[in-house]
């Protein structure tokens, strides 16, 4: 078993200030009902980052997703 949590999220929120960034990971709870309904979300994780690390992660995500859209391979990983 891993020494760190393995999370799944399908939503997020970001708050930023002069000294830090908070990334909150959310997961929708399926209602099983057709039509309009409230979208209750559960917080599955919260990550606090320095502004510099948040910028580096945003850049890495952009590059990795752009590369993934150009290739048919699945599961490309970039480590920084």
PDB file of N, CA and C in Angstrom:
ATOM      1  N   UNK A   1       0.834  -1.183   0.000  1.00  0.00           N
ATOM      2  CA  UNK A   1       0.000   0.000   0.000  1.00  0.00           C
ATOM      3  C   UNK A   1       0.878   1.245   0.000  1.00  0.00           C
ATOM      4  N   UNK A   2       0.453   2.260  -0.729  1.00  0.00           N
ATOM      5  CA  UNK A   2       1.216   3.495  -0.856  1.00  0.00           C
ATOM      6  C   UNK A   2       1.239   4.273   0.458  1.00  0.00           C
ATOM      7  N   UNK A   3       2.302   5.034   0.648  1.00  0.00           N
ATOM      8  CA  UNK A   3       2.437   5.877   1.834  1.00  0.00           C
ATOM      9  C   UNK A   3       1.782   7.239   1.653  1.00  0.00           C
ATOM     10  N   UNK A   4       1.094   7.440   0.546  1.00  0.00           N
ATOM     11  CA  UNK A   4       0.445   8.709   0.252  1.00  0.00           C
ATOM     12  C   UNK A   4      -0.962   8.424  -0.264  1.00  0.00           C
ATOM     13  N   UNK A   5      -1.884   9.365  -0.118  1.00  0.00           N
ATOM     14  CA  UNK A   5      -3.259   9.121  -0.571  1.00  0.00           C
ATOM     15  C   UNK A   5      -3.355   9.119  -2.096  1.00  0.00           C
ATOM     16  N   UNK A   6      -4.168   8.230  -2.619  1.00  0.00           N
ATOM     17  CA  UNK A   6      -4.459   8.157  -4.045  1.00  0.00           C
ATOM     18  C   UNK A   6      -5.875   8.686  -4.214  1.00  0.00           C
ATOM     19  N   UNK A   7      -6.027   9.862  -4.818  1.00  0.00           N
ATOM     20  CA  UNK A   7      -7.304  10.556  -4.874  1.00  0.00           C
ATOM     21  C   UNK A   7      -7.837  10.623  -6.297  1.00  0.00           C
ATOM     22  N   UNK A   8      -9.149  10.711  -6.426  1.00  0.00           N
ATOM     23  CA  UNK A   8      -9.793  10.998  -7.703  1.00  0.00           C
ATOM     24  C   UNK A   8     -10.612  12.266  -7.517  1.00  0.00           C
ATOM     25  N   UNK A   9     -10.486  13.194  -8.449  1.00  0.00           N
ATOM     26  CA  UNK A   9     -11.257  14.434  -8.409  1.00  0.00           C
ATOM     27  C   UNK A   9     -11.772  14.732  -9.805  1.00  0.00           C
ATOM     28  N   UNK A  10     -12.959  15.346  -9.862  1.00  0.00           N
ATOM     29  CA  UNK A  10     -13.492  15.780 -11.155  1.00  0.00           C
ATOM     30  C   UNK A  10     -13.827  17.266 -11.134  1.00  0.00           C
ATOM     31  N   UNK A  11     -13.297  17.952 -10.132  1.00  0.00           N
ATOM     32  CA  UNK A  11     -13.488  19.383 -10.029  1.00  0.00           C
ATOM     33  C   UNK A  11     -12.432  19.977  -9.104  1.00  0.00           C
ATOM     34  N   UNK A  12     -12.311  21.280  -9.121  1.00  0.00           N
ATOM     35  CA  UNK A  12     -11.336  21.929  -8.252  1.00  0.00           C
ATOM     36  C   UNK A  12     -11.708  23.389  -8.055  1.00  0.00           C
ATOM     37  N   UNK A  13     -11.126  23.970  -7.036  1.00  0.00           N
ATOM     38  CA  UNK A  13     -11.186  25.415  -6.860  1.00  0.00           C
ATOM     39  C   UNK A  13      -9.795  25.881  -6.459  1.00  0.00           C
ATOM     40  N   UNK A  14      -9.474  27.104  -6.833  1.00  0.00           N
ATOM     41  CA  UNK A  14      -8.156  27.669  -6.547  1.00  0.00           C
ATOM     42  C   UNK A  14      -8.339  29.011  -5.868  1.00  0.00           C
ATOM     43  N   UNK A  15      -7.616  29.213  -4.798  1.00  0.00           N
ATOM     44  CA  UNK A  15      -7.552  30.534  -4.174  1.00  0.00           C
ATOM     45  C   UNK A  15      -6.081  30.919  -4.093  1.00  0.00           C
ATOM     46  N   UNK A  16      -5.803  32.193  -4.294  1.00  0.00           N
ATOM     47  CA  UNK A  16      -4.416  32.642  -4.291  1.00  0.00           C
ATOM     48  C   UNK A  16      -4.287  33.954  -3.553  1.00  0.00           C
ATOM     49  N   UNK A  17      -3.182  34.092  -2.882  1.00  0.00           N
ATOM     50  CA  UNK A  17      -2.838  35.331  -2.198  1.00  0.00           C
ATOM     51  C   UNK A  17      -1.383  35.652  -2.475  1.00  0.00           C
ATOM     52  N   UNK A  18      -0.882  36.691  -1.851  1.00  0.00           N
ATOM     53  CA  UNK A  18       0.517  37.093  -2.085  1.00  0.00           C
ATOM     54  C   UNK A  18       1.504  36.026  -1.662  1.00  0.00           C
ATOM     55  N   UNK A  19       1.171  35.237  -0.652  1.00  0.00           N
ATOM     56  CA  UNK A  19       2.151  34.320  -0.079  1.00  0.00           C
ATOM     57  C   UNK A  19       1.852  32.847  -0.322  1.00  0.00           C
ATOM     58  N   UNK A  20       0.734  32.533  -0.981  1.00  0.00           N
ATOM     59  CA  UNK A  20       0.440  31.134  -1.203  1.00  0.00           C
ATOM     60  C   UNK A  20      -0.778  30.894  -2.068  1.00  0.00           C
ATOM     61  N   UNK A  21      -0.896  29.650  -2.498  1.00  0.00           N
ATOM     62  CA  UNK A  21      -1.994  29.194  -3.340  1.00  0.00           C
ATOM     63  C   UNK A  21      -2.592  27.954  -2.688  1.00  0.00           C
ATOM     64  N   UNK A  22      -3.921  27.857  -2.697  1.00  0.00           N
ATOM     65  CA  UNK A  22      -4.593  26.663  -2.194  1.00  0.00           C
ATOM     66  C   UNK A  22      -5.399  26.052  -3.323  1.00  0.00           C
ATOM     67  N   UNK A  23      -5.139  24.784  -3.593  1.00  0.00           N
ATOM     68  CA  UNK A  23      -5.865  24.022  -4.603  1.00  0.00           C
ATOM     69  C   UNK A  23      -6.736  23.019  -3.862  1.00  0.00           C
ATOM     70  N   UNK A  24      -8.042  23.153  -4.000  1.00  0.00           N
ATOM     71  CA  UNK A  24      -8.989  22.240  -3.363  1.00  0.00           C
ATOM     72  C   UNK A  24      -9.538  21.299  -4.422  1.00  0.00           C
ATOM     73  N   UNK A  25      -9.374  20.003  -4.217  1.00  0.00           N
ATOM     74  CA  UNK A  25      -9.851  18.987  -5.151  1.00  0.00           C
ATOM     75  C   UNK A  25     -11.226  18.511  -4.724  1.00  0.00           C
ATOM     76  N   UNK A  26     -12.148  18.416  -5.687  1.00  0.00           N
ATOM     77  CA  UNK A  26     -13.548  18.081  -5.411  1.00  0.00           C
ATOM     78  C   UNK A  26     -13.973  16.867  -6.229  1.00  0.00           C
ATOM     79  N   UNK A  27     -14.928  16.133  -5.701  1.00  0.00           N
ATOM     80  CA  UNK A  27     -15.535  15.014  -6.423  1.00  0.00           C
ATOM     81  C   UNK A  27     -17.043  15.170  -6.366  1.00  0.00           C
ATOM     82  N   UNK A  28     -17.674  15.071  -7.531  1.00  0.00           N
ATOM     83  CA  UNK A  28     -19.131  15.160  -7.612  1.00  0.00           C
ATOM     84  C   UNK A  28     -19.750  13.875  -7.094  1.00  0.00           C
ATOM     85  N   UNK A  29     -20.876  14.025  -6.458  1.00  0.00           N
ATOM     86  CA  UNK A  29     -21.646  12.871  -6.013  1.00  0.00           C
ATOM     87  C   UNK A  29     -22.743  12.618  -7.039  1.00  0.00           C
ATOM     88  N   UNK A  30     -22.718  11.474  -7.718  1.00  0.00           N
ATOM     89  CA  UNK A  30     -23.774  11.215  -8.713  1.00  0.00           C
ATOM     90  C   UNK A  30     -25.142  11.113  -8.050  1.00  0.00           C
ATOM     91  N   UNK A  31     -26.143  11.711  -8.700  1.00  0.00           N
ATOM     92  CA  UNK A  31     -27.491  11.679  -8.134  1.00  0.00           C
ATOM     93  C   UNK A  31     -28.328  10.559  -8.714  1.00  0.00           C
ATOM     94  N   UNK A  32     -27.982  10.116  -9.929  1.00  0.00           N
ATOM     95  CA  UNK A  32     -28.762   9.064 -10.569  1.00  0.00           C
ATOM     96  C   UNK A  32     -30.098   9.535 -11.115  1.00  0.00           C
ATOM     97  N   UNK A  33     -30.357  10.829 -11.041  1.00  0.00           N
ATOM     98  CA  UNK A  33     -31.622  11.382 -11.519  1.00  0.00           C
ATOM     99  C   UNK A  33     -31.399  12.176 -12.798  1.00  0.00           C
ATOM    100  N   UNK A  34     -32.333  12.056 -13.731  1.00  0.00           N
ATOM    101  CA  UNK A  34     -32.250  12.820 -14.973  1.00  0.00           C
ATOM    102  C   UNK A  34     -32.677  14.252 -14.729  1.00  0.00           C
ATOM    103  N   UNK A  35     -32.192  15.157 -15.563  1.00  0.00           N
ATOM    104  CA  UNK A  35     -32.625  16.547 -15.479  1.00  0.00           C
ATOM    105  C   UNK A  35     -31.772  17.372 -14.542  1.00  0.00           C
ATOM    106  N   UNK A  36     -32.223  18.607 -14.330  1.00  0.00           N
ATOM    107  CA  UNK A  36     -31.477  19.542 -13.494  1.00  0.00           C
ATOM    108  C   UNK A  36     -31.533  19.110 -12.030  1.00  0.00           C
ATOM    109  N   UNK A  37     -30.422  19.280 -11.347  1.00  0.00           N
ATOM    110  CA  UNK A  37     -30.342  18.937  -9.931  1.00  0.00           C
ATOM    111  C   UNK A  37     -29.155  19.654  -9.307  1.00  0.00           C
ATOM    112  N   UNK A  38     -29.149  19.710  -7.998  1.00  0.00           N
ATOM    113  CA  UNK A  38     -27.991  20.259  -7.294  1.00  0.00           C
ATOM    114  C   UNK A  38     -26.804  19.352  -7.538  1.00  0.00           C
ATOM    115  N   UNK A  39     -25.621  19.928  -7.595  1.00  0.00           N
ATOM    116  CA  UNK A  39     -24.406  19.160  -7.824  1.00  0.00           C
ATOM    117  C   UNK A  39     -23.583  19.165  -6.537  1.00  0.00           C
ATOM    118  N   UNK A  40     -23.939  18.324  -5.581  1.00  0.00           N
ATOM    119  CA  UNK A  40     -23.179  18.314  -4.338  1.00  0.00           C
ATOM    120  C   UNK A  40     -21.755  17.827  -4.595  1.00  0.00           C
ATOM    121  N   UNK A  41     -20.814  18.494  -4.002  1.00  0.00           N
ATOM    122  CA  UNK A  41     -19.422  18.106  -4.172  1.00  0.00           C
ATOM    123  C   UNK A  41     -18.789  17.853  -2.819  1.00  0.00           C
ATOM    124  N   UNK A  42     -17.932  16.866  -2.815  1.00  0.00           N
ATOM    125  CA  UNK A  42     -17.198  16.494  -1.612  1.00  0.00           C
ATOM    126  C   UNK A  42     -15.745  16.911  -1.792  1.00  0.00           C
ATOM    127  N   UNK A  43     -15.162  17.523  -0.778  1.00  0.00           N
ATOM    128  CA  UNK A  43     -13.737  17.853  -0.827  1.00  0.00           C
ATOM    129  C   UNK A  43     -12.961  16.561  -0.581  1.00  0.00           C
ATOM    130  N   UNK A  44     -12.080  16.221  -1.519  1.00  0.00           N
ATOM    131  CA  UNK A  44     -11.277  15.006  -1.367  1.00  0.00           C
ATOM    132  C   UNK A  44      -9.829  15.315  -1.023  1.00  0.00           C
ATOM    133  N   UNK A  45      -9.419  16.568  -1.183  1.00  0.00           N
ATOM    134  CA  UNK A  45      -8.061  16.938  -0.829  1.00  0.00           C
ATOM    135  C   UNK A  45      -7.845  18.427  -0.938  1.00  0.00           C
ATOM    136  N   UNK A  46      -6.865  18.895  -0.214  1.00  0.00           N
ATOM    137  CA  UNK A  46      -6.511  20.312  -0.262  1.00  0.00           C
ATOM    138  C   UNK A  46      -4.989  20.395  -0.249  1.00  0.00           C
ATOM    139  N   UNK A  47      -4.434  21.147  -1.199  1.00  0.00           N
ATOM    140  CA  UNK A  47      -2.993  21.273  -1.339  1.00  0.00           C
ATOM    141  C   UNK A  47      -2.633  22.744  -1.212  1.00  0.00           C
ATOM    142  N   UNK A  48      -1.689  23.029  -0.349  1.00  0.00           N
ATOM    143  CA  UNK A  48      -1.202  24.403  -0.178  1.00  0.00           C
ATOM    144  C   UNK A  48       0.173  24.493  -0.822  1.00  0.00           C
ATOM    145  N   UNK A  49       0.361  25.506  -1.670  1.00  0.00           N
ATOM    146  CA  UNK A  49       1.571  25.630  -2.474  1.00  0.00           C
ATOM    147  C   UNK A  49       2.148  27.029  -2.401  1.00  0.00           C
ATOM    148  N   UNK A  50       3.448  27.115  -2.644  1.00  0.00           N
ATOM    149  CA  UNK A  50       4.045  28.429  -2.843  1.00  0.00           C
ATOM    150  C   UNK A  50       3.605  28.927  -4.220  1.00  0.00           C
ATOM    151  N   UNK A  51       3.545  30.231  -4.424  1.00  0.00           N
ATOM    152  CA  UNK A  51       3.183  30.748  -5.747  1.00  0.00           C
ATOM    153  C   UNK A  51       4.109  30.227  -6.854  1.00  0.00           C
ATOM    154  N   UNK A  52       5.408  30.109  -6.567  1.00  0.00           N
ATOM    155  CA  UNK A  52       6.346  29.630  -7.578  1.00  0.00           C
ATOM    156  C   UNK A  52       6.062  28.181  -7.970  1.00  0.00           C
ATOM    157  N   UNK A  53       5.762  27.333  -7.002  1.00  0.00           N
ATOM    158  CA  UNK A  53       5.453  25.941  -7.320  1.00  0.00           C
ATOM    159  C   UNK A  53       4.144  25.851  -8.091  1.00  0.00           C
ATOM    160  N   UNK A  54       3.154  26.639  -7.716  1.00  0.00           N
ATOM    161  CA  UNK A  54       1.874  26.628  -8.430  1.00  0.00           C
ATOM    162  C   UNK A  54       2.078  27.012  -9.900  1.00  0.00           C
ATOM    163  N   UNK A  55       2.918  28.022 -10.162  1.00  0.00           N
ATOM    164  CA  UNK A  55       3.210  28.417 -11.545  1.00  0.00           C
ATOM    165  C   UNK A  55       3.917  27.294 -12.294  1.00  0.00           C
ATOM    166  N   UNK A  56       4.866  26.637 -11.651  1.00  0.00           N
ATOM    167  CA  UNK A  56       5.596  25.540 -12.293  1.00  0.00           C
ATOM    168  C   UNK A  56       4.663  24.376 -12.618  1.00  0.00           C
ATOM    169  N   UNK A  57       3.748  24.064 -11.704  1.00  0.00           N
ATOM    170  CA  UNK A  57       2.783  22.988 -11.951  1.00  0.00           C
ATOM    171  C   UNK A  57       1.859  23.356 -13.101  1.00  0.00           C
ATOM    172  N   UNK A  58       1.391  24.604 -13.146  1.00  0.00           N
ATOM    173  CA  UNK A  58       0.517  25.045 -14.229  1.00  0.00           C
ATOM    174  C   UNK A  58       1.225  24.926 -15.580  1.00  0.00           C
ATOM    175  N   UNK A  59       2.491  25.320 -15.637  1.00  0.00           N
ATOM    176  CA  UNK A  59       3.264  25.181 -16.874  1.00  0.00           C
ATOM    177  C   UNK A  59       3.418  23.723 -17.272  1.00  0.00           C
ATOM    178  N   UNK A  60       3.765  22.874 -16.304  1.00  0.00           N
ATOM    179  CA  UNK A  60       3.972  21.456 -16.587  1.00  0.00           C
ATOM    180  C   UNK A  60       2.677  20.794 -17.058  1.00  0.00           C
ATOM    181  N   UNK A  61       1.558  21.143 -16.440  1.00  0.00           N
ATOM    182  CA  UNK A  61       0.268  20.603 -16.871  1.00  0.00           C
ATOM    183  C   UNK A  61      -0.041  21.020 -18.302  1.00  0.00           C
ATOM    184  N   UNK A  62       0.175  22.288 -18.617  1.00  0.00           N
ATOM    185  CA  UNK A  62      -0.076  22.776 -19.969  1.00  0.00           C
ATOM    186  C   UNK A  62       0.754  22.038 -21.001  1.00  0.00           C
ATOM    187  N   UNK A  63       2.051  21.876 -20.725  1.00  0.00           N
ATOM    188  CA  UNK A  63       2.939  21.182 -21.663  1.00  0.00           C
ATOM    189  C   UNK A  63       2.569  19.708 -21.793  1.00  0.00           C
ATOM    190  N   UNK A  64       2.287  19.058 -20.674  1.00  0.00           N
ATOM    191  CA  UNK A  64       1.963  17.632 -20.693  1.00  0.00           C
ATOM    192  C   UNK A  64       0.658  17.374 -21.426  1.00  0.00           C
ATOM    193  N   UNK A  65      -0.364  18.198 -21.176  1.00  0.00           N
ATOM    194  CA  UNK A  65      -1.643  18.015 -21.854  1.00  0.00           C
ATOM    195  C   UNK A  65      -1.542  18.327 -23.342  1.00  0.00           C
ATOM    196  N   UNK A  66      -0.744  19.318 -23.704  1.00  0.00           N
ATOM    197  CA  UNK A  66      -0.545  19.623 -25.117  1.00  0.00           C
ATOM    198  C   UNK A  66       0.143  18.464 -25.821  1.00  0.00           C
ATOM    199  N   UNK A  67       1.147  17.889 -25.178  1.00  0.00           N
ATOM    200  CA  UNK A  67       1.852  16.751 -25.763  1.00  0.00           C
ATOM    201  C   UNK A  67       0.936  15.538 -25.860  1.00  0.00           C
ATOM    202  N   UNK A  68       0.102  15.333 -24.842  1.00  0.00           N
ATOM    203  CA  UNK A  68      -0.810  14.183 -24.846  1.00  0.00           C
ATOM    204  C   UNK A  68      -1.848  14.309 -25.954  1.00  0.00           C
ATOM    205  N   UNK A  69      -2.242  15.527 -26.282  1.00  0.00           N
ATOM    206  CA  UNK A  69      -3.232  15.702 -27.338  1.00  0.00           C
ATOM    207  C   UNK A  69      -2.622  15.456 -28.720  1.00  0.00           C
ATOM    208  N   UNK A  70      -1.299  15.508 -28.808  1.00  0.00           N
ATOM    209  CA  UNK A  70      -0.621  15.259 -30.077  1.00  0.00           C
ATOM    210  C   UNK A  70      -0.237  13.795 -30.266  1.00  0.00           C
ATOM    211  N   UNK A  71      -0.373  12.994 -29.260  1.00  0.00           N
ATOM    212  CA  UNK A  71       0.036  11.593 -29.344  1.00  0.00           C
ATOM    213  C   UNK A  71      -1.139  10.686 -29.060  1.00  0.00           C
ATOM    214  N   UNK A  72      -1.066   9.473 -29.508  1.00  0.00           N
ATOM    215  CA  UNK A  72      -2.144   8.510 -29.246  1.00  0.00           C
ATOM    216  C   UNK A  72      -1.798   7.629 -28.054  1.00  0.00           C
ATOM    217  N   UNK A  73      -0.589   7.777 -27.500  1.00  0.00           N
ATOM    218  CA  UNK A  73      -0.200   6.980 -26.339  1.00  0.00           C
ATOM    219  C   UNK A  73      -0.971   7.465 -25.124  1.00  0.00           C
ATOM    220  N   UNK A  74      -1.299   6.542 -24.258  1.00  0.00           N
ATOM    221  CA  UNK A  74      -2.033   6.856 -23.026  1.00  0.00           C
ATOM    222  C   UNK A  74      -1.061   6.805 -21.850  1.00  0.00           C
ATOM    223  N   UNK A  75      -1.310   7.627 -20.849  1.00  0.00           N
ATOM    224  CA  UNK A  75      -0.546   7.553 -19.616  1.00  0.00           C
ATOM    225  C   UNK A  75       0.805   8.240 -19.649  1.00  0.00           C
ATOM    226  N   UNK A  76       1.001   9.227 -20.514  1.00  0.00           N
ATOM    227  CA  UNK A  76       2.256   9.963 -20.522  1.00  0.00           C
ATOM    228  C   UNK A  76       2.452  10.647 -19.175  1.00  0.00           C
ATOM    229  N   UNK A  77       3.666  10.594 -18.649  1.00  0.00           N
ATOM    230  CA  UNK A  77       3.972  11.180 -17.349  1.00  0.00           C
ATOM    231  C   UNK A  77       5.147  12.117 -17.499  1.00  0.00           C
ATOM    232  N   UNK A  78       5.053  13.275 -16.881  1.00  0.00           N
ATOM    233  CA  UNK A  78       6.154  14.217 -16.837  1.00  0.00           C
ATOM    234  C   UNK A  78       6.484  14.487 -15.375  1.00  0.00           C
ATOM    235  N   UNK A  79       7.743  14.322 -15.014  1.00  0.00           N
ATOM    236  CA  UNK A  79       8.187  14.585 -13.641  1.00  0.00           C
ATOM    237  C   UNK A  79       9.095  15.788 -13.657  1.00  0.00           C
ATOM    238  N   UNK A  80       8.852  16.724 -12.737  1.00  0.00           N
ATOM    239  CA  UNK A  80       9.671  17.933 -12.656  1.00  0.00           C
ATOM    240  C   UNK A  80      10.302  18.015 -11.304  1.00  0.00           C
TER     241      UNK A  80
END
